C-alpha atoms as a PDB file:
ATOM      1  CA  UNK A   1      13.539  42.090 104.145  1.00  0.00           C
ATOM      2  CA  UNK A   2      13.567  38.827 106.040  1.00  0.00           C
ATOM      3  CA  UNK A   3      15.483  35.798 105.135  1.00  0.00           C
ATOM      4  CA  UNK A   4      12.550  33.925 103.359  1.00  0.00           C
ATOM      5  CA  UNK A   5      11.789  36.860 101.060  1.00  0.00           C
ATOM      6  CA  UNK A   6      15.588  37.295 100.415  1.00  0.00           C
ATOM      7  CA  UNK A   7      15.842  33.452  99.650  1.00  0.00           C
ATOM      8  CA  UNK A   8      12.795  33.734  97.280  1.00  0.00           C
ATOM      9  CA  UNK A   9      14.045  36.660  95.414  1.00  0.00           C
ATOM     10  CA  UNK A  10      17.648  35.274  94.931  1.00  0.00           C
ATOM     11  CA  UNK A  11      16.458  31.967  94.122  1.00  0.00           C
ATOM     12  CA  UNK A  12      14.127  33.411  91.068  1.00  0.00           C
ATOM     13  CA  UNK A  13      16.689  35.708  90.001  1.00  0.00           C
ATOM     14  CA  UNK A  14      19.653  32.886  89.746  1.00  0.00           C
ATOM     15  CA  UNK A  15      17.221  30.663  87.839  1.00  0.00           C
ATOM     16  CA  UNK A  16      17.371  33.320  85.189  1.00  0.00           C
ATOM     17  CA  UNK A  17      21.052  33.462  84.838  1.00  0.00           C
ATOM     18  CA  UNK A  18      23.149  31.194  82.441  1.00  0.00           C
ATOM     19  CA  UNK A  19      25.775  28.910  83.624  1.00  0.00           C
ATOM     20  CA  UNK A  20      28.329  31.395  82.649  1.00  0.00           C
ATOM     21  CA  UNK A  21      26.749  34.302  84.584  1.00  0.00           C
ATOM     22  CA  UNK A  22      26.464  32.018  87.596  1.00  0.00           C
ATOM     23  CA  UNK A  23      30.034  31.160  87.600  1.00  0.00           C
ATOM     24  CA  UNK A  24      30.854  34.841  87.402  1.00  0.00           C
ATOM     25  CA  UNK A  25      28.732  35.764  90.153  1.00  0.00           C
ATOM     26  CA  UNK A  26      30.117  33.101  92.348  1.00  0.00           C
ATOM     27  CA  UNK A  27      33.627  34.118  91.407  1.00  0.00           C
ATOM     28  CA  UNK A  28      33.032  37.715  92.423  1.00  0.00           C
ATOM     29  CA  UNK A  29      31.291  36.445  95.863  1.00  0.00           C
ATOM     30  CA  UNK A  30      34.358  34.521  96.610  1.00  0.00           C
ATOM     31  CA  UNK A  31      36.680  37.272  95.872  1.00  0.00           C
ATOM     32  CA  UNK A  32      34.887  39.335  98.388  1.00  0.00           C
ATOM     33  CA  UNK A  33      34.868  36.717 100.831  1.00  0.00           C
ATOM     34  CA  UNK A  34      38.677  35.846 100.291  1.00  0.00           C
ATOM     35  CA  UNK A  35      40.373  38.405 102.394  1.00  0.00           C
ATOM     36  CA  UNK A  36      38.531  37.021 105.437  1.00  0.00           C
ATOM     37  CA  UNK A  37      40.178  33.750 104.960  1.00  0.00           C
ATOM     38  CA  UNK A  38      43.491  35.504 104.516  1.00  0.00           C
ATOM     39  CA  UNK A  39      43.014  37.384 107.906  1.00  0.00           C
ATOM     40  CA  UNK A  40      41.991  34.275 109.580  1.00  0.00           C
ATOM     41  CA  UNK A  41      45.270  32.336 108.221  1.00  0.00           C
ATOM     42  CA  UNK A  42      47.680  35.225 109.276  1.00  0.00           C
ATOM     43  CA  UNK A  43      46.033  35.392 112.784  1.00  0.00           C
ATOM     44  CA  UNK A  44      45.760  31.730 113.551  1.00  0.00           C
ATOM     45  CA  UNK A  45      48.794  30.747 111.448  1.00  0.00           C
ATOM     46  CA  UNK A  46      46.571  27.833 109.891  1.00  0.00           C
ATOM     47  CA  UNK A  47      45.099  27.370 106.204  1.00  0.00           C
ATOM     48  CA  UNK A  48      46.393  27.961 102.729  1.00  0.00           C
ATOM     49  CA  UNK A  49      45.189  30.989 100.801  1.00  0.00           C
ATOM     50  CA  UNK A  50      47.055  29.740  97.870  1.00  0.00           C
ATOM     51  CA  UNK A  51      44.196  27.056  97.290  1.00  0.00           C
ATOM     52  CA  UNK A  52      41.535  29.486  97.540  1.00  0.00           C
ATOM     53  CA  UNK A  53      43.318  31.759  94.884  1.00  0.00           C
ATOM     54  CA  UNK A  54      43.885  28.584  92.614  1.00  0.00           C
ATOM     55  CA  UNK A  55      40.230  28.157  92.953  1.00  0.00           C
ATOM     56  CA  UNK A  56      39.262  31.528  91.729  1.00  0.00           C
ATOM     57  CA  UNK A  57      41.842  31.258  89.287  1.00  0.00           C
ATOM     58  CA  UNK A  58      40.353  28.062  87.853  1.00  0.00           C
ATOM     59  CA  UNK A  59      37.015  29.676  87.440  1.00  0.00           C
ATOM     60  CA  UNK A  60      38.100  32.699  85.736  1.00  0.00           C
ATOM     61  CA  UNK A  61      40.124  30.171  83.404  1.00  0.00           C
ATOM     62  CA  UNK A  62      36.602  28.242  82.747  1.00  0.00           C
ATOM     63  CA  UNK A  63      34.923  31.564  81.976  1.00  0.00           C
ATOM     64  CA  UNK A  64      37.918  32.175  79.602  1.00  0.00           C
ATOM     65  CA  UNK A  65      36.993  29.078  77.788  1.00  0.00           C
ATOM     66  CA  UNK A  66      39.470  26.497  79.292  1.00  0.00           C
ATOM     67  CA  UNK A  67      38.658  23.178  80.409  1.00  0.00           C
ATOM     68  CA  UNK A  68      38.851  22.484  83.864  1.00  0.00           C
ATOM     69  CA  UNK A  69      39.340  19.480  85.946  1.00  0.00           C
ATOM     70  CA  UNK A  70      38.168  20.536  89.715  1.00  0.00           C
ATOM     71  CA  UNK A  71      38.678  17.187  91.297  1.00  0.00           C
ATOM     72  CA  UNK A  72      41.995  17.683  92.831  1.00  0.00           C
ATOM     73  CA  UNK A  73      41.555  21.340  93.411  1.00  0.00           C
ATOM     74  CA  UNK A  74      38.272  20.493  95.513  1.00  0.00           C
ATOM     75  CA  UNK A  75      40.021  17.717  97.543  1.00  0.00           C
ATOM     76  CA  UNK A  76      42.742  20.544  98.518  1.00  0.00           C
ATOM     77  CA  UNK A  77      40.223  22.790  99.229  1.00  0.00           C
ATOM     78  CA  UNK A  78      38.496  20.617 101.728  1.00  0.00           C
ATOM     79  CA  UNK A  79      41.538  20.209 103.546  1.00  0.00           C
ATOM     80  CA  UNK A  80      42.107  24.100 104.071  1.00  0.00           C
ATOM     81  CA  UNK A  81      38.581  24.901 105.533  1.00  0.00           C
ATOM     82  CA  UNK A  82      38.558  25.421 108.949  1.00  0.00           C
ATOM     83  CA  UNK A  83      36.482  23.747 111.570  1.00  0.00           C
ATOM     84  CA  UNK A  84      34.663  26.238 114.170  1.00  0.00           C
ATOM     85  CA  UNK A  85      35.372  23.529 116.643  1.00  0.00           C
ATOM     86  CA  UNK A  86      38.789  24.318 116.351  1.00  0.00           C
ATOM     87  CA  UNK A  87      38.564  27.950 115.830  1.00  0.00           C
ATOM     88  CA  UNK A  88      35.813  29.416 117.594  1.00  0.00           C
ATOM     89  CA  UNK A  89      36.464  33.168 116.917  1.00  0.00           C
ATOM     90  CA  UNK A  90      34.398  35.381 114.320  1.00  0.00           C
ATOM     91  CA  UNK A  91      37.515  35.062 112.029  1.00  0.00           C
ATOM     92  CA  UNK A  92      37.278  31.349 112.077  1.00  0.00           C
ATOM     93  CA  UNK A  93      33.472  31.440 111.109  1.00  0.00           C
ATOM     94  CA  UNK A  94      34.372  33.976 108.591  1.00  0.00           C
ATOM     95  CA  UNK A  95      36.822  31.806 107.097  1.00  0.00           C
ATOM     96  CA  UNK A  96      34.696  28.810 106.971  1.00  0.00           C
ATOM     97  CA  UNK A  97      32.130  30.548 105.070  1.00  0.00           C
ATOM     98  CA  UNK A  98      34.938  31.805 102.538  1.00  0.00           C
ATOM     99  CA  UNK A  99      36.231  28.309 102.301  1.00  0.00           C
ATOM    100  CA  UNK A 100      32.840  26.795 101.686  1.00  0.00           C
ATOM    101  CA  UNK A 101      31.774  29.354  99.102  1.00  0.00           C
ATOM    102  CA  UNK A 102      35.015  28.385  97.384  1.00  0.00           C
ATOM    103  CA  UNK A 103      33.861  24.988  97.421  1.00  0.00           C
ATOM    104  CA  UNK A 104      30.371  26.111  95.904  1.00  0.00           C
ATOM    105  CA  UNK A 105      32.433  27.982  93.300  1.00  0.00           C
ATOM    106  CA  UNK A 106      33.803  24.680  91.766  1.00  0.00           C
ATOM    107  CA  UNK A 107      30.736  22.781  92.179  1.00  0.00           C
ATOM    108  CA  UNK A 108      28.930  25.527  90.017  1.00  0.00           C
ATOM    109  CA  UNK A 109      31.549  25.100  87.222  1.00  0.00           C
ATOM    110  CA  UNK A 110      30.605  21.547  86.985  1.00  0.00           C
ATOM    111  CA  UNK A 111      26.994  22.030  87.503  1.00  0.00           C
ATOM    112  CA  UNK A 112      24.251  23.982  84.968  1.00  0.00           C
ATOM    113  CA  UNK A 113      21.707  24.217  87.981  1.00  0.00           C
ATOM    114  CA  UNK A 114      21.774  27.302  90.203  1.00  0.00           C
ATOM    115  CA  UNK A 115      21.992  25.419  93.698  1.00  0.00           C
ATOM    116  CA  UNK A 116      25.606  26.115  94.210  1.00  0.00           C
ATOM    117  CA  UNK A 117      25.379  29.886  93.599  1.00  0.00           C
ATOM    118  CA  UNK A 118      22.607  30.310  96.049  1.00  0.00           C
ATOM    119  CA  UNK A 119      24.580  28.584  98.655  1.00  0.00           C
ATOM    120  CA  UNK A 120      27.646  31.008  97.760  1.00  0.00           C
ATOM    121  CA  UNK A 121      25.072  34.051  98.177  1.00  0.00           C
ATOM    122  CA  UNK A 122      24.100  32.564 101.543  1.00  0.00           C
ATOM    123  CA  UNK A 123      27.434  32.387 102.705  1.00  0.00           C
ATOM    124  CA  UNK A 124      27.818  36.077 102.195  1.00  0.00           C
ATOM    125  CA  UNK A 125      24.565  36.683 103.767  1.00  0.00           C
ATOM    126  CA  UNK A 126      25.566  34.372 106.572  1.00  0.00           C
ATOM    127  CA  UNK A 127      28.853  36.044 107.045  1.00  0.00           C
ATOM    128  CA  UNK A 128      27.189  39.625 107.356  1.00  0.00           C
ATOM    129  CA  UNK A 129      24.384  38.216 109.629  1.00  0.00           C
ATOM    130  CA  UNK A 130      27.083  36.860 112.087  1.00  0.00           C
ATOM    131  CA  UNK A 131      29.048  40.035 111.864  1.00  0.00           C
ATOM    132  CA  UNK A 132      26.136  41.948 112.888  1.00  0.00           C
ATOM    133  CA  UNK A 133      24.920  39.574 115.663  1.00  0.00           C
ATOM    134  CA  UNK A 134      28.724  40.045 117.011  1.00  0.00           C
ATOM    135  CA  UNK A 135      28.402  43.637 116.653  1.00  0.00           C
ATOM    136  CA  UNK A 136      25.164  44.096 118.322  1.00  0.00           C
ATOM    137  CA  UNK A 137      25.713  41.410 120.850  1.00  0.00           C
ATOM    138  CA  UNK A 138      29.429  41.099 121.629  1.00  0.00           C
ATOM    139  CA  UNK A 139      29.018  39.164 124.595  1.00  0.00           C
ATOM    140  CA  UNK A 140      26.522  36.666 123.058  1.00  0.00           C
ATOM    141  CA  UNK A 141      23.915  37.305 125.628  1.00  0.00           C
ATOM    142  CA  UNK A 142      20.943  36.446 122.985  1.00  0.00           C
ATOM    143  CA  UNK A 143      19.670  40.142 122.967  1.00  0.00           C
ATOM    144  CA  UNK A 144      19.515  40.611 119.393  1.00  0.00           C
ATOM    145  CA  UNK A 145      16.209  40.183 117.445  1.00  0.00           C
ATOM    146  CA  UNK A 146      16.026  39.002 113.874  1.00  0.00           C
ATOM    147  CA  UNK A 147      14.324  42.455 113.090  1.00  0.00           C
ATOM    148  CA  UNK A 148      17.470  44.180 114.723  1.00  0.00           C
ATOM    149  CA  UNK A 149      19.911  41.968 112.246  1.00  0.00           C
ATOM    150  CA  UNK A 150      17.601  42.287 108.810  1.00  0.00           C
ATOM    151  CA  UNK A 151      17.222  45.956 109.662  1.00  0.00           C
ATOM    152  CA  UNK A 152      20.993  46.689 110.176  1.00  0.00           C
ATOM    153  CA  UNK A 153      22.569  48.859 107.770  1.00  0.00           C
ATOM    154  CA  UNK A 154      25.452  46.221 106.767  1.00  0.00           C
ATOM    155  CA  UNK A 155      22.540  43.455 106.176  1.00  0.00           C
ATOM    156  CA  UNK A 156      20.585  45.892 104.155  1.00  0.00           C
ATOM    157  CA  UNK A 157      23.697  46.907 102.052  1.00  0.00           C
ATOM    158  CA  UNK A 158      24.546  43.054 101.382  1.00  0.00           C
ATOM    159  CA  UNK A 159      21.224  42.197 100.315  1.00  0.00           C
ATOM    160  CA  UNK A 160      21.101  45.391  97.899  1.00  0.00           C
ATOM    161  CA  UNK A 161      24.612  44.419  96.655  1.00  0.00           C
ATOM    162  CA  UNK A 162      23.681  40.939  95.821  1.00  0.00           C
ATOM    163  CA  UNK A 163      20.324  41.779  94.136  1.00  0.00           C
ATOM    164  CA  UNK A 164      22.174  44.607  91.963  1.00  0.00           C
ATOM    165  CA  UNK A 165      24.989  42.232  91.105  1.00  0.00           C
ATOM    166  CA  UNK A 166      22.266  39.420  90.046  1.00  0.00           C
ATOM    167  CA  UNK A 167      21.065  42.281  87.645  1.00  0.00           C
ATOM    168  CA  UNK A 168      24.477  43.245  86.414  1.00  0.00           C
ATOM    169  CA  UNK A 169      25.830  39.869  85.580  1.00  0.00           C
ATOM    170  CA  UNK A 170      22.667  38.990  83.802  1.00  0.00           C
ATOM    171  CA  UNK A 171      23.285  39.446  79.850  1.00  0.00           C
ATOM    172  CA  UNK A 172      27.005  40.649  80.396  1.00  0.00           C
ATOM    173  CA  UNK A 173      28.852  40.003  77.504  1.00  0.00           C
ATOM    174  CA  UNK A 174      32.206  40.032  79.196  1.00  0.00           C
ATOM    175  CA  UNK A 175      31.977  38.055  82.277  1.00  0.00           C
ATOM    176  CA  UNK A 176      35.793  37.522  82.575  1.00  0.00           C
ATOM    177  CA  UNK A 177      36.384  41.296  82.731  1.00  0.00           C
ATOM    178  CA  UNK A 178      33.082  42.070  84.741  1.00  0.00           C
ATOM    179  CA  UNK A 179      34.030  39.285  87.388  1.00  0.00           C
ATOM    180  CA  UNK A 180      37.744  40.978  87.768  1.00  0.00           C
ATOM    181  CA  UNK A 181      36.204  44.407  88.074  1.00  0.00           C
ATOM    182  CA  UNK A 182      33.628  43.541  90.611  1.00  0.00           C
ATOM    183  CA  UNK A 183      35.721  41.398  93.055  1.00  0.00           C
ATOM    184  CA  UNK A 184      37.827  44.131  94.481  1.00  0.00           C
ATOM    185  CA  UNK A 185      35.984  45.298  97.276  1.00  0.00           C
ATOM    186  CA  UNK A 186      35.989  43.039 100.352  1.00  0.00           C
ATOM    187  CA  UNK A 187      32.775  41.906 102.061  1.00  0.00           C
ATOM    188  CA  UNK A 188      34.089  43.100 105.464  1.00  0.00           C
ATOM    189  CA  UNK A 189      36.644  45.478 106.578  1.00  0.00           C
ATOM    190  CA  UNK A 190      38.187  44.012 109.239  1.00  0.00           C
ATOM    191  CA  UNK A 191      41.355  45.266 110.924  1.00  0.00           C
END
């Protein structure tokens, strides 16, 4: 499936979710991405994974019915998202995607529109896309086609996971438990 086909399907499905379902799916995605930020922080000695954790806790609280003011948390979060100009490694890119996804998680809490969810899902997609590119072309010679990336098992698995989760979250009556149960498996297992 190419990116345009993926995006069309994801937008259609996201548009059919409730506000709460969108937040829950954002939370699950952020939980999958957070180990990449933690790895980056440990290797580079930069960042604050506690702020990302607090963002997920705020979303969980909101799903449980708590009133959440995300303003201060959003400001803290923007300070701990790495700039790839400063950290040019793959880990820096992965951590950037994780941090930005957490920003969109907080935005999704505030918005009943589905745009933030789309961006979170695309951050997951982009993370796998970058991983596959690095895997197939470690010297960055540009010898990898879009078709090679789109058909790689990691990319196919990610798209299938996202489409499956869009279906599983829809109509779920216990989103707090669902989000907690689903957020265990990291998006990538990087040593």
